[in-house]
N, C-alpha and C. Protein backbone atom coordinates (compact mmCIF):
# COMPACT_ATOMS: atom_id res chain seq x y z
N UNK A 1 -76.30 50.87 53.66
CA UNK A 1 -77.51 51.63 53.34
C UNK A 1 -78.63 50.71 52.85
N UNK A 2 -78.27 49.70 52.07
CA UNK A 2 -79.29 48.77 51.59
C UNK A 2 -79.94 48.04 52.76
N UNK A 3 -79.14 47.61 53.71
CA UNK A 3 -79.71 46.89 54.86
C UNK A 3 -80.52 47.83 55.75
N UNK A 4 -80.21 49.10 55.75
CA UNK A 4 -81.04 50.06 56.49
C UNK A 4 -82.44 50.14 55.89
N UNK A 5 -82.53 50.11 54.57
CA UNK A 5 -83.83 50.12 53.91
C UNK A 5 -84.60 48.84 54.22
N UNK A 6 -83.90 47.71 54.13
CA UNK A 6 -84.54 46.42 54.38
C UNK A 6 -85.05 46.32 55.81
N UNK A 7 -84.21 46.72 56.76
CA UNK A 7 -84.61 46.57 58.17
C UNK A 7 -85.79 47.46 58.51
N UNK A 8 -85.89 48.62 57.86
CA UNK A 8 -86.98 49.53 58.17
C UNK A 8 -88.32 48.89 57.85
N UNK A 9 -88.40 48.19 56.73
CA UNK A 9 -89.65 47.52 56.37
C UNK A 9 -89.97 46.38 57.33
N UNK A 10 -88.95 45.64 57.72
CA UNK A 10 -89.16 44.53 58.64
C UNK A 10 -89.58 45.01 60.03
N UNK A 11 -88.95 46.09 60.50
CA UNK A 11 -89.29 46.64 61.81
C UNK A 11 -90.69 47.23 61.82
N UNK A 12 -91.08 47.85 60.71
CA UNK A 12 -92.43 48.40 60.60
C UNK A 12 -93.46 47.28 60.71
N UNK A 13 -93.21 46.17 60.04
CA UNK A 13 -94.13 45.03 60.12
C UNK A 13 -94.14 44.43 61.52
N UNK A 14 -92.98 44.43 62.19
CA UNK A 14 -92.88 43.84 63.52
C UNK A 14 -93.55 44.70 64.58
N UNK A 15 -93.35 46.00 64.50
CA UNK A 15 -93.83 46.91 65.54
C UNK A 15 -95.17 47.57 65.21
N UNK A 16 -95.50 47.62 63.92
CA UNK A 16 -96.72 48.29 63.52
C UNK A 16 -96.56 49.81 63.51
N UNK A 17 -97.61 50.50 63.14
CA UNK A 17 -97.61 51.96 63.09
C UNK A 17 -99.01 52.46 63.37
N UNK A 18 -99.21 53.75 63.24
CA UNK A 18 -100.54 54.32 63.47
C UNK A 18 -101.53 53.84 62.41
N UNK A 19 -101.03 53.41 61.25
CA UNK A 19 -101.90 52.96 60.17
C UNK A 19 -102.04 51.44 60.11
N UNK A 20 -101.00 50.73 60.54
CA UNK A 20 -101.00 49.28 60.40
C UNK A 20 -100.68 48.60 61.73
N UNK A 21 -101.44 47.58 62.11
CA UNK A 21 -101.11 46.84 63.34
C UNK A 21 -99.88 45.96 63.11
N UNK A 22 -99.17 45.59 64.17
CA UNK A 22 -98.02 44.70 64.01
C UNK A 22 -98.46 43.32 63.55
N UNK A 23 -97.57 42.66 62.81
CA UNK A 23 -97.86 41.29 62.40
C UNK A 23 -97.77 40.36 63.60
N UNK A 24 -98.63 39.35 63.69
CA UNK A 24 -98.47 38.34 64.75
C UNK A 24 -97.09 37.69 64.64
N UNK A 25 -96.37 37.67 65.74
CA UNK A 25 -94.99 37.14 65.78
C UNK A 25 -94.07 37.85 64.79
N UNK A 26 -94.39 39.08 64.47
CA UNK A 26 -93.59 39.82 63.50
C UNK A 26 -92.18 40.11 63.96
N UNK A 27 -91.94 40.02 65.28
CA UNK A 27 -90.59 40.25 65.81
C UNK A 27 -89.68 39.04 65.56
N UNK A 28 -90.25 37.95 65.07
CA UNK A 28 -89.47 36.75 64.70
C UNK A 28 -89.31 36.73 63.18
N UNK A 29 -88.08 36.84 62.72
CA UNK A 29 -87.80 36.97 61.28
C UNK A 29 -86.88 35.83 60.85
N UNK A 30 -87.32 35.06 59.89
CA UNK A 30 -86.55 33.93 59.38
C UNK A 30 -85.84 34.32 58.08
N UNK A 31 -84.53 34.16 58.05
CA UNK A 31 -83.75 34.42 56.84
C UNK A 31 -83.44 33.07 56.21
N UNK A 32 -83.87 32.88 54.98
CA UNK A 32 -83.75 31.58 54.34
C UNK A 32 -83.28 31.76 52.90
N UNK A 33 -82.95 30.65 52.25
CA UNK A 33 -82.63 30.63 50.82
C UNK A 33 -83.03 29.27 50.29
N UNK A 34 -83.06 29.14 48.98
CA UNK A 34 -83.42 27.85 48.39
C UNK A 34 -82.30 26.84 48.56
N UNK A 35 -81.07 27.26 48.23
CA UNK A 35 -79.91 26.38 48.26
C UNK A 35 -78.80 27.00 49.12
N UNK A 36 -77.78 26.23 49.47
CA UNK A 36 -76.63 26.79 50.18
C UNK A 36 -75.88 27.79 49.29
N UNK A 37 -75.05 28.60 49.94
CA UNK A 37 -74.16 29.54 49.25
C UNK A 37 -74.89 30.60 48.43
N UNK A 38 -76.07 30.99 48.90
CA UNK A 38 -76.81 32.07 48.24
C UNK A 38 -76.83 33.34 49.07
N UNK A 39 -76.11 33.33 50.21
CA UNK A 39 -75.94 34.55 50.98
C UNK A 39 -76.85 34.74 52.16
N UNK A 40 -77.52 33.68 52.63
CA UNK A 40 -78.47 33.87 53.73
C UNK A 40 -77.78 34.24 55.04
N UNK A 41 -76.66 33.60 55.35
CA UNK A 41 -75.95 33.93 56.59
C UNK A 41 -75.35 35.33 56.52
N UNK A 42 -74.80 35.69 55.38
CA UNK A 42 -74.29 37.04 55.16
C UNK A 42 -75.38 38.07 55.41
N UNK A 43 -76.57 37.82 54.85
CA UNK A 43 -77.68 38.76 55.01
C UNK A 43 -78.20 38.77 56.45
N UNK A 44 -78.26 37.59 57.08
CA UNK A 44 -78.73 37.52 58.47
C UNK A 44 -77.81 38.29 59.39
N UNK A 45 -76.50 38.13 59.22
CA UNK A 45 -75.52 38.84 60.05
C UNK A 45 -75.62 40.34 59.87
N UNK A 46 -75.63 40.79 58.63
CA UNK A 46 -75.66 42.23 58.37
C UNK A 46 -76.98 42.87 58.78
N UNK A 47 -78.07 42.13 58.61
CA UNK A 47 -79.36 42.64 59.05
C UNK A 47 -79.39 42.76 60.57
N UNK A 48 -78.86 41.75 61.27
CA UNK A 48 -78.83 41.79 62.73
C UNK A 48 -77.98 42.94 63.23
N UNK A 49 -76.82 43.15 62.63
CA UNK A 49 -75.94 44.25 63.04
C UNK A 49 -76.60 45.60 62.78
N UNK A 50 -77.33 45.69 61.69
CA UNK A 50 -78.01 46.95 61.38
C UNK A 50 -79.12 47.24 62.38
N UNK A 51 -79.87 46.21 62.77
CA UNK A 51 -80.94 46.39 63.75
C UNK A 51 -80.35 46.71 65.12
N UNK A 52 -79.19 46.14 65.43
CA UNK A 52 -78.55 46.42 66.72
C UNK A 52 -78.20 47.89 66.86
N UNK A 53 -78.03 48.59 65.76
CA UNK A 53 -77.72 50.01 65.80
C UNK A 53 -78.93 50.87 66.14
N UNK A 54 -80.12 50.27 66.14
CA UNK A 54 -81.33 51.00 66.50
C UNK A 54 -81.32 51.36 67.99
N UNK A 55 -81.86 52.49 68.32
CA UNK A 55 -81.88 52.94 69.72
C UNK A 55 -82.98 52.27 70.53
N UNK A 56 -84.05 51.85 69.85
CA UNK A 56 -85.21 51.32 70.58
C UNK A 56 -85.37 49.82 70.46
N UNK A 57 -84.40 49.14 69.85
CA UNK A 57 -84.49 47.69 69.69
C UNK A 57 -83.16 47.03 70.02
N UNK A 58 -83.25 45.78 70.44
CA UNK A 58 -82.07 44.93 70.52
C UNK A 58 -82.34 43.73 69.63
N UNK A 59 -81.30 43.03 69.21
CA UNK A 59 -81.48 41.93 68.28
C UNK A 59 -80.80 40.68 68.81
N UNK A 60 -81.48 39.55 68.63
CA UNK A 60 -80.92 38.24 68.96
C UNK A 60 -80.80 37.46 67.66
N UNK A 61 -79.59 37.10 67.29
CA UNK A 61 -79.36 36.31 66.09
C UNK A 61 -79.27 34.84 66.48
N UNK A 62 -80.19 34.03 65.96
CA UNK A 62 -80.26 32.61 66.28
C UNK A 62 -79.71 31.81 65.11
N UNK A 63 -78.70 31.00 65.38
CA UNK A 63 -78.19 30.10 64.36
C UNK A 63 -79.07 28.85 64.37
N UNK A 64 -79.97 28.76 63.41
CA UNK A 64 -80.89 27.63 63.33
C UNK A 64 -80.51 26.67 62.21
N UNK A 65 -79.32 26.85 61.65
CA UNK A 65 -78.81 25.92 60.63
C UNK A 65 -78.03 24.83 61.37
N UNK A 66 -78.76 23.88 61.92
CA UNK A 66 -78.18 22.92 62.86
C UNK A 66 -77.14 22.02 62.22
N UNK A 67 -77.33 21.66 60.95
CA UNK A 67 -76.40 20.75 60.28
C UNK A 67 -75.08 21.44 59.94
N UNK A 68 -75.15 22.71 59.57
CA UNK A 68 -73.94 23.45 59.19
C UNK A 68 -73.95 24.84 59.81
N UNK A 69 -73.87 24.94 61.12
CA UNK A 69 -73.88 26.27 61.77
C UNK A 69 -72.64 27.06 61.41
N UNK A 70 -72.79 28.35 61.18
CA UNK A 70 -71.64 29.16 60.79
C UNK A 70 -71.62 30.54 61.43
N UNK A 71 -72.65 30.86 62.22
CA UNK A 71 -72.72 32.19 62.82
C UNK A 71 -71.57 32.43 63.78
N UNK A 72 -71.30 31.46 64.67
CA UNK A 72 -70.24 31.66 65.65
C UNK A 72 -68.88 31.84 64.98
N UNK A 73 -68.57 31.01 64.00
CA UNK A 73 -67.28 31.13 63.32
C UNK A 73 -67.18 32.43 62.54
N UNK A 74 -68.28 32.89 61.99
CA UNK A 74 -68.28 34.16 61.25
C UNK A 74 -67.98 35.34 62.17
N UNK A 75 -68.41 35.22 63.41
CA UNK A 75 -68.22 36.30 64.39
C UNK A 75 -66.99 36.09 65.26
N UNK A 76 -66.30 34.97 65.08
CA UNK A 76 -65.12 34.69 65.89
C UNK A 76 -65.45 34.33 67.33
N UNK A 77 -66.61 33.69 67.54
CA UNK A 77 -67.04 33.31 68.89
C UNK A 77 -66.79 31.83 69.13
N UNK A 78 -66.62 31.46 70.40
CA UNK A 78 -66.37 30.08 70.77
C UNK A 78 -67.68 29.28 70.80
N UNK A 79 -67.53 27.94 70.69
CA UNK A 79 -68.69 27.06 70.76
C UNK A 79 -69.40 27.16 72.09
N UNK A 80 -70.68 26.84 72.08
CA UNK A 80 -71.50 27.08 73.26
C UNK A 80 -72.78 26.27 73.14
N UNK A 81 -73.41 25.94 74.27
CA UNK A 81 -74.75 25.35 74.21
C UNK A 81 -75.69 26.32 73.52
N UNK A 82 -76.73 25.79 72.88
CA UNK A 82 -77.56 26.68 72.10
C UNK A 82 -79.00 26.24 71.94
N UNK A 83 -79.59 26.65 70.83
CA UNK A 83 -81.02 26.51 70.56
C UNK A 83 -81.48 25.06 70.67
N UNK A 84 -80.79 24.15 69.97
CA UNK A 84 -81.23 22.75 69.98
C UNK A 84 -81.09 22.13 71.36
N UNK A 85 -80.10 22.53 72.12
CA UNK A 85 -79.96 22.01 73.49
C UNK A 85 -81.17 22.38 74.34
N UNK A 86 -81.66 23.62 74.16
CA UNK A 86 -82.82 24.07 74.93
C UNK A 86 -84.09 23.36 74.48
N UNK A 87 -84.16 23.01 73.17
CA UNK A 87 -85.34 22.30 72.68
C UNK A 87 -85.34 20.85 73.14
N UNK A 88 -84.16 20.22 73.14
CA UNK A 88 -84.07 18.79 73.45
C UNK A 88 -84.11 18.51 74.95
N UNK A 89 -83.70 19.48 75.75
CA UNK A 89 -83.62 19.24 77.20
C UNK A 89 -84.34 20.36 77.95
N UNK A 90 -85.50 20.08 78.52
CA UNK A 90 -86.26 21.11 79.24
C UNK A 90 -85.51 21.72 80.42
N UNK A 91 -84.47 21.05 80.88
CA UNK A 91 -83.70 21.58 82.00
C UNK A 91 -82.70 22.66 81.57
N UNK A 92 -82.51 22.80 80.26
CA UNK A 92 -81.61 23.84 79.75
C UNK A 92 -82.42 25.11 79.49
N UNK A 93 -82.11 26.18 80.20
CA UNK A 93 -82.79 27.46 80.02
C UNK A 93 -82.21 28.16 78.80
N UNK A 94 -83.08 28.55 77.86
CA UNK A 94 -82.59 29.13 76.61
C UNK A 94 -81.85 30.44 76.85
N UNK A 95 -82.27 31.23 77.83
CA UNK A 95 -81.61 32.50 78.10
C UNK A 95 -80.16 32.28 78.56
N UNK A 96 -79.90 31.12 79.20
CA UNK A 96 -78.54 30.82 79.65
C UNK A 96 -77.62 30.47 78.49
N UNK A 97 -78.20 30.18 77.34
CA UNK A 97 -77.41 29.81 76.15
C UNK A 97 -77.02 31.03 75.31
N UNK A 98 -77.60 32.17 75.60
CA UNK A 98 -77.37 33.37 74.80
C UNK A 98 -75.99 33.95 75.09
N UNK A 99 -75.28 34.32 74.03
CA UNK A 99 -73.96 34.92 74.14
C UNK A 99 -74.08 36.42 73.93
N UNK A 100 -73.57 37.19 74.87
CA UNK A 100 -73.55 38.64 74.74
C UNK A 100 -72.26 39.07 74.06
N UNK A 101 -72.36 39.91 73.07
CA UNK A 101 -71.20 40.36 72.32
C UNK A 101 -70.76 41.73 72.81
N UNK A 102 -69.66 42.23 72.25
CA UNK A 102 -69.19 43.56 72.63
C UNK A 102 -69.88 44.66 71.84
N UNK A 103 -70.88 44.27 71.04
CA UNK A 103 -71.69 45.25 70.30
C UNK A 103 -72.98 45.47 71.08
N UNK A 104 -73.23 46.68 71.55
CA UNK A 104 -74.45 46.94 72.33
C UNK A 104 -75.71 46.53 71.57
N UNK A 105 -76.59 45.83 72.26
CA UNK A 105 -77.86 45.44 71.66
C UNK A 105 -77.79 44.24 70.74
N UNK A 106 -76.64 43.56 70.66
CA UNK A 106 -76.47 42.43 69.75
C UNK A 106 -76.07 41.18 70.53
N UNK A 107 -76.95 40.18 70.54
CA UNK A 107 -76.68 38.91 71.20
C UNK A 107 -76.86 37.77 70.20
N UNK A 108 -76.29 36.61 70.57
CA UNK A 108 -76.30 35.46 69.66
C UNK A 108 -76.74 34.21 70.41
N UNK A 109 -77.59 33.42 69.78
CA UNK A 109 -77.97 32.11 70.30
C UNK A 109 -77.40 31.05 69.35
N UNK A 110 -76.38 30.30 69.78
CA UNK A 110 -75.78 29.29 68.90
C UNK A 110 -76.77 28.19 68.53
N UNK A 111 -76.39 27.40 67.54
CA UNK A 111 -77.26 26.30 67.11
C UNK A 111 -77.35 25.21 68.17
N UNK A 112 -76.27 25.00 68.89
CA UNK A 112 -76.24 23.91 69.87
C UNK A 112 -75.83 22.60 69.23
N UNK A 113 -75.95 21.53 69.99
CA UNK A 113 -75.53 20.21 69.51
C UNK A 113 -76.58 19.63 68.57
N UNK A 114 -76.12 19.19 67.40
CA UNK A 114 -77.03 18.58 66.44
C UNK A 114 -77.50 17.22 66.94
N UNK A 115 -78.75 16.89 66.63
CA UNK A 115 -79.31 15.59 66.98
C UNK A 115 -79.77 14.91 65.69
N UNK A 116 -80.24 13.68 65.83
CA UNK A 116 -80.81 12.98 64.67
C UNK A 116 -82.29 13.30 64.49
N UNK A 117 -82.82 14.14 65.39
CA UNK A 117 -84.24 14.45 65.35
C UNK A 117 -84.48 15.96 65.42
N UNK A 118 -83.65 16.73 64.73
CA UNK A 118 -83.78 18.19 64.79
C UNK A 118 -85.17 18.66 64.38
N UNK A 119 -85.68 18.14 63.27
CA UNK A 119 -87.00 18.56 62.78
C UNK A 119 -88.10 18.20 63.76
N UNK A 120 -87.99 17.01 64.35
CA UNK A 120 -89.02 16.58 65.31
C UNK A 120 -89.01 17.45 66.57
N UNK A 121 -87.84 17.82 67.03
CA UNK A 121 -87.78 18.73 68.19
C UNK A 121 -88.40 20.08 67.85
N UNK A 122 -88.13 20.59 66.64
CA UNK A 122 -88.69 21.87 66.23
C UNK A 122 -90.21 21.80 66.12
N UNK A 123 -90.73 20.65 65.73
CA UNK A 123 -92.17 20.50 65.55
C UNK A 123 -92.91 20.26 66.87
N UNK A 124 -92.20 20.13 67.96
CA UNK A 124 -92.83 19.86 69.25
C UNK A 124 -93.36 21.14 69.90
N UNK A 125 -94.22 20.96 70.88
CA UNK A 125 -94.78 22.11 71.59
C UNK A 125 -93.71 22.88 72.35
N UNK A 126 -92.62 22.23 72.66
CA UNK A 126 -91.52 22.86 73.40
C UNK A 126 -90.97 24.07 72.65
N UNK A 127 -90.96 24.02 71.32
CA UNK A 127 -90.39 25.10 70.51
C UNK A 127 -91.11 26.42 70.78
N UNK A 128 -92.42 26.40 70.75
CA UNK A 128 -93.15 27.63 70.98
C UNK A 128 -92.92 28.16 72.40
N UNK A 129 -92.79 27.26 73.36
CA UNK A 129 -92.49 27.68 74.72
C UNK A 129 -91.14 28.39 74.79
N UNK A 130 -90.14 27.82 74.11
CA UNK A 130 -88.80 28.42 74.12
C UNK A 130 -88.82 29.78 73.42
N UNK A 131 -89.50 29.86 72.30
CA UNK A 131 -89.54 31.13 71.57
C UNK A 131 -90.29 32.20 72.36
N UNK A 132 -91.33 31.80 73.06
CA UNK A 132 -92.04 32.76 73.91
C UNK A 132 -91.15 33.29 75.02
N UNK A 133 -90.30 32.43 75.55
CA UNK A 133 -89.36 32.88 76.58
C UNK A 133 -88.40 33.93 76.04
N UNK A 134 -88.11 33.85 74.76
CA UNK A 134 -87.18 34.80 74.15
C UNK A 134 -87.82 36.15 73.86
N UNK A 135 -89.14 36.16 73.66
CA UNK A 135 -89.77 37.40 73.19
C UNK A 135 -90.81 38.01 74.12
N UNK A 136 -91.55 37.18 74.84
CA UNK A 136 -92.69 37.72 75.60
C UNK A 136 -92.28 38.71 76.67
N UNK A 137 -91.17 38.48 77.32
CA UNK A 137 -90.75 39.36 78.41
C UNK A 137 -89.77 40.44 77.96
N UNK A 138 -89.56 40.56 76.67
CA UNK A 138 -88.63 41.56 76.14
C UNK A 138 -89.22 42.17 74.87
N UNK A 139 -90.10 43.15 74.99
CA UNK A 139 -90.78 43.72 73.83
C UNK A 139 -89.87 44.46 72.86
N UNK A 140 -88.65 44.76 73.27
CA UNK A 140 -87.73 45.47 72.36
C UNK A 140 -86.87 44.52 71.54
N UNK A 141 -86.98 43.20 71.80
CA UNK A 141 -86.10 42.23 71.14
C UNK A 141 -86.66 41.80 69.79
N UNK A 142 -85.81 41.87 68.77
CA UNK A 142 -86.09 41.30 67.46
C UNK A 142 -85.24 40.04 67.33
N UNK A 143 -85.86 38.95 66.90
CA UNK A 143 -85.16 37.67 66.80
C UNK A 143 -84.98 37.33 65.32
N UNK A 144 -83.73 37.21 64.89
CA UNK A 144 -83.39 36.85 63.52
C UNK A 144 -82.92 35.40 63.50
N UNK A 145 -83.56 34.56 62.69
CA UNK A 145 -83.16 33.16 62.56
C UNK A 145 -82.40 32.96 61.25
N UNK A 146 -81.17 32.44 61.38
CA UNK A 146 -80.43 32.01 60.19
C UNK A 146 -80.82 30.56 59.95
N UNK A 147 -81.68 30.36 58.96
CA UNK A 147 -82.30 29.07 58.73
C UNK A 147 -81.46 28.18 57.82
N UNK A 148 -81.68 26.86 57.86
CA UNK A 148 -81.09 26.01 56.83
C UNK A 148 -81.70 26.35 55.47
N UNK A 149 -81.02 26.06 54.38
CA UNK A 149 -81.62 26.25 53.06
C UNK A 149 -82.90 25.42 52.93
N UNK A 150 -83.92 26.00 52.36
CA UNK A 150 -85.24 25.35 52.34
C UNK A 150 -85.24 24.04 51.59
N UNK A 151 -84.46 23.93 50.51
CA UNK A 151 -84.47 22.72 49.70
C UNK A 151 -83.39 21.74 50.10
N UNK A 152 -82.69 22.03 51.19
CA UNK A 152 -81.61 21.15 51.64
C UNK A 152 -81.87 20.49 52.98
N UNK A 153 -82.71 21.10 53.80
CA UNK A 153 -82.95 20.57 55.15
C UNK A 153 -84.37 20.87 55.59
N UNK A 154 -85.02 19.89 56.19
CA UNK A 154 -86.43 20.02 56.56
C UNK A 154 -86.73 21.00 57.68
N UNK A 155 -85.77 21.33 58.60
CA UNK A 155 -86.13 22.26 59.67
C UNK A 155 -86.63 23.62 59.18
N UNK A 156 -86.26 24.01 57.96
CA UNK A 156 -86.63 25.34 57.48
C UNK A 156 -88.14 25.55 57.45
N UNK A 157 -88.86 24.58 56.90
CA UNK A 157 -90.31 24.80 56.77
C UNK A 157 -91.02 24.68 58.12
N UNK A 158 -90.43 23.95 59.07
CA UNK A 158 -91.02 23.90 60.41
C UNK A 158 -90.82 25.24 61.11
N UNK A 159 -89.64 25.81 60.97
CA UNK A 159 -89.37 27.13 61.56
C UNK A 159 -90.31 28.19 61.01
N UNK A 160 -90.69 28.06 59.74
CA UNK A 160 -91.56 29.06 59.12
C UNK A 160 -92.90 29.17 59.83
N UNK A 161 -93.33 28.09 60.47
CA UNK A 161 -94.62 28.12 61.16
C UNK A 161 -94.55 28.84 62.50
N UNK A 162 -93.33 29.18 62.95
CA UNK A 162 -93.15 29.82 64.25
C UNK A 162 -92.78 31.30 64.14
N UNK A 163 -92.65 31.82 62.93
CA UNK A 163 -92.23 33.21 62.75
C UNK A 163 -93.33 34.02 62.08
N UNK A 164 -93.18 35.34 62.17
CA UNK A 164 -94.15 36.23 61.54
C UNK A 164 -93.70 36.76 60.20
N UNK A 165 -92.38 36.66 59.93
CA UNK A 165 -91.85 37.17 58.66
C UNK A 165 -90.77 36.22 58.15
N UNK A 166 -90.76 36.01 56.85
CA UNK A 166 -89.70 35.25 56.18
C UNK A 166 -89.06 36.15 55.13
N UNK A 167 -87.74 36.20 55.15
CA UNK A 167 -86.99 36.92 54.13
C UNK A 167 -86.22 35.88 53.32
N UNK A 168 -86.66 35.67 52.08
CA UNK A 168 -86.05 34.66 51.22
C UNK A 168 -84.95 35.31 50.38
N UNK A 169 -83.71 34.86 50.60
CA UNK A 169 -82.57 35.42 49.87
C UNK A 169 -82.46 34.72 48.52
N UNK A 170 -82.40 35.53 47.46
CA UNK A 170 -82.30 35.03 46.09
C UNK A 170 -80.96 35.50 45.53
N UNK A 171 -80.11 34.58 45.13
CA UNK A 171 -78.81 34.94 44.59
C UNK A 171 -78.94 35.29 43.12
N UNK A 172 -78.56 36.53 42.75
CA UNK A 172 -78.67 36.98 41.38
C UNK A 172 -77.88 36.08 40.44
N UNK A 173 -78.51 35.72 39.32
CA UNK A 173 -77.88 34.89 38.28
C UNK A 173 -77.55 33.48 38.74
N UNK A 174 -78.04 33.07 39.91
CA UNK A 174 -77.76 31.73 40.42
C UNK A 174 -79.05 30.98 40.77
N UNK A 175 -79.91 31.59 41.59
CA UNK A 175 -81.15 30.93 42.02
C UNK A 175 -82.11 30.83 40.84
N UNK A 176 -82.55 29.63 40.52
CA UNK A 176 -83.48 29.45 39.41
C UNK A 176 -84.91 29.74 39.86
N UNK A 177 -85.76 30.03 38.90
CA UNK A 177 -87.16 30.30 39.21
C UNK A 177 -87.82 29.07 39.81
N UNK A 178 -87.48 27.90 39.27
CA UNK A 178 -88.07 26.66 39.79
C UNK A 178 -87.69 26.44 41.25
N UNK A 179 -86.41 26.64 41.56
CA UNK A 179 -85.95 26.45 42.94
C UNK A 179 -86.63 27.45 43.87
N UNK A 180 -86.75 28.69 43.40
CA UNK A 180 -87.38 29.72 44.23
C UNK A 180 -88.84 29.38 44.51
N UNK A 181 -89.56 28.96 43.48
CA UNK A 181 -90.97 28.61 43.67
C UNK A 181 -91.11 27.43 44.63
N UNK A 182 -90.24 26.44 44.50
CA UNK A 182 -90.30 25.29 45.39
C UNK A 182 -90.02 25.72 46.84
N UNK A 183 -89.02 26.58 47.02
CA UNK A 183 -88.68 27.04 48.36
C UNK A 183 -89.81 27.85 48.97
N UNK A 184 -90.41 28.72 48.18
CA UNK A 184 -91.51 29.53 48.69
C UNK A 184 -92.71 28.67 49.09
N UNK A 185 -92.96 27.61 48.33
CA UNK A 185 -94.08 26.73 48.68
C UNK A 185 -93.85 26.06 50.03
N UNK A 186 -92.59 25.75 50.35
CA UNK A 186 -92.29 25.14 51.64
C UNK A 186 -92.42 26.14 52.79
N UNK A 187 -92.30 27.42 52.48
CA UNK A 187 -92.40 28.45 53.52
C UNK A 187 -93.83 28.95 53.71
N UNK A 188 -94.79 28.29 53.09
CA UNK A 188 -96.17 28.77 53.07
C UNK A 188 -96.80 28.86 54.45
N UNK A 189 -96.22 28.23 55.46
CA UNK A 189 -96.77 28.32 56.82
C UNK A 189 -96.69 29.73 57.36
N UNK A 190 -95.78 30.53 56.82
CA UNK A 190 -95.70 31.95 57.18
C UNK A 190 -96.41 32.76 56.10
N UNK A 191 -97.31 33.64 56.50
CA UNK A 191 -98.11 34.38 55.53
C UNK A 191 -97.41 35.61 54.98
N UNK A 192 -96.33 36.04 55.63
CA UNK A 192 -95.66 37.27 55.21
C UNK A 192 -94.24 36.94 54.75
N UNK A 193 -94.07 36.78 53.43
CA UNK A 193 -92.77 36.42 52.85
C UNK A 193 -92.33 37.51 51.89
N UNK A 194 -91.07 37.93 52.04
CA UNK A 194 -90.49 38.91 51.14
C UNK A 194 -89.21 38.34 50.54
N UNK A 195 -88.84 38.85 49.36
CA UNK A 195 -87.64 38.39 48.68
C UNK A 195 -86.54 39.44 48.80
N UNK A 196 -85.31 38.94 48.94
CA UNK A 196 -84.14 39.82 48.98
C UNK A 196 -83.18 39.36 47.89
N UNK A 197 -82.96 40.20 46.88
CA UNK A 197 -82.06 39.87 45.78
C UNK A 197 -80.65 40.21 46.18
N UNK A 198 -79.80 39.19 46.27
CA UNK A 198 -78.44 39.34 46.76
C UNK A 198 -77.43 39.19 45.61
N UNK A 199 -76.35 39.96 45.68
CA UNK A 199 -75.27 39.80 44.72
C UNK A 199 -75.52 40.42 43.36
N UNK A 200 -76.38 41.43 43.31
CA UNK A 200 -76.64 42.08 42.03
C UNK A 200 -75.45 42.94 41.61
N UNK A 201 -75.24 43.02 40.34
CA UNK A 201 -74.14 43.84 39.81
C UNK A 201 -74.65 45.13 39.20
N UNK A 202 -75.96 45.34 39.28
CA UNK A 202 -76.52 46.59 38.78
C UNK A 202 -77.81 46.88 39.53
N UNK A 203 -78.24 48.12 39.49
CA UNK A 203 -79.50 48.52 40.11
C UNK A 203 -80.44 49.01 39.01
N UNK A 204 -81.62 48.40 38.85
CA UNK A 204 -82.56 48.84 37.83
C UNK A 204 -82.93 50.31 37.96
N UNK A 205 -82.88 50.84 39.21
CA UNK A 205 -83.24 52.24 39.42
C UNK A 205 -82.03 53.16 39.35
N UNK A 206 -80.84 52.58 39.23
CA UNK A 206 -79.62 53.39 39.21
C UNK A 206 -79.18 53.84 40.58
N UNK A 207 -79.77 53.25 41.65
CA UNK A 207 -79.43 53.66 43.01
C UNK A 207 -78.02 53.20 43.36
N UNK A 208 -77.22 54.11 43.90
CA UNK A 208 -75.85 53.77 44.29
C UNK A 208 -75.43 54.65 45.44
N UNK A 209 -75.58 54.15 46.68
CA UNK A 209 -75.31 54.96 47.86
C UNK A 209 -73.82 55.29 47.98
N UNK A 210 -72.98 54.32 47.68
CA UNK A 210 -71.54 54.52 47.89
C UNK A 210 -70.98 55.67 47.09
N UNK A 211 -71.36 55.78 45.82
CA UNK A 211 -70.82 56.85 44.98
C UNK A 211 -71.28 58.22 45.46
N UNK A 212 -72.48 58.29 46.04
CA UNK A 212 -72.98 59.56 46.51
C UNK A 212 -72.11 60.11 47.65
N UNK A 213 -71.71 59.22 48.53
CA UNK A 213 -70.89 59.62 49.68
C UNK A 213 -69.40 59.64 49.37
N UNK A 214 -69.05 59.25 48.16
CA UNK A 214 -67.64 59.25 47.81
C UNK A 214 -66.94 57.95 48.12
N UNK A 215 -67.71 56.92 48.63
CA UNK A 215 -67.08 55.67 48.99
C UNK A 215 -66.66 54.87 47.76
N UNK A 216 -67.28 55.17 46.63
CA UNK A 216 -66.97 54.41 45.44
C UNK A 216 -65.76 54.94 44.69
N UNK A 217 -65.14 56.00 45.14
CA UNK A 217 -64.02 56.59 44.43
C UNK A 217 -62.71 55.86 44.75
């Protein structure tokens, strides 16, 4: 239920409404955190699965954590050519790297083979060409990027310049204010940044979906 609330706001920004125009590149959503082990991959996976349940959208989950990719292993999928391969080699078609899952509307783009120049490849003009191939001809596709932690790897801030929305995962009782501020400053290339508080043990509003439906019993 929590991810349903989160995705609704992100989809509204991506698609727009009668009152608000869509954000530029709003269909590209970067999930990031300040440090490792703060729940960014967990949130990226669950958000992607929640969006896949939409009738009018499909979702592509991109593993952009090139140094420590974990999306494929989390989903039990085999290794495959991926995002970095398409960036490094113009002869590799990015659509050919996409893995179709048994969940309708849910596809995955692996990280691909790591190079010593991941950040430089991301900063090249080729990146925008590849991303346009993923979105321009498919208006129903939402692209979720599982990014490296902002304070651990430089590709994160380069990716921020290619997306319309950033969702910064903040681990309750773990992420410090200083780390969060530093991470947000690195994401400044994207004008639309929202925070997601992960791992809370209480709700300030008292909201508890599970108990209402009897799941908490």
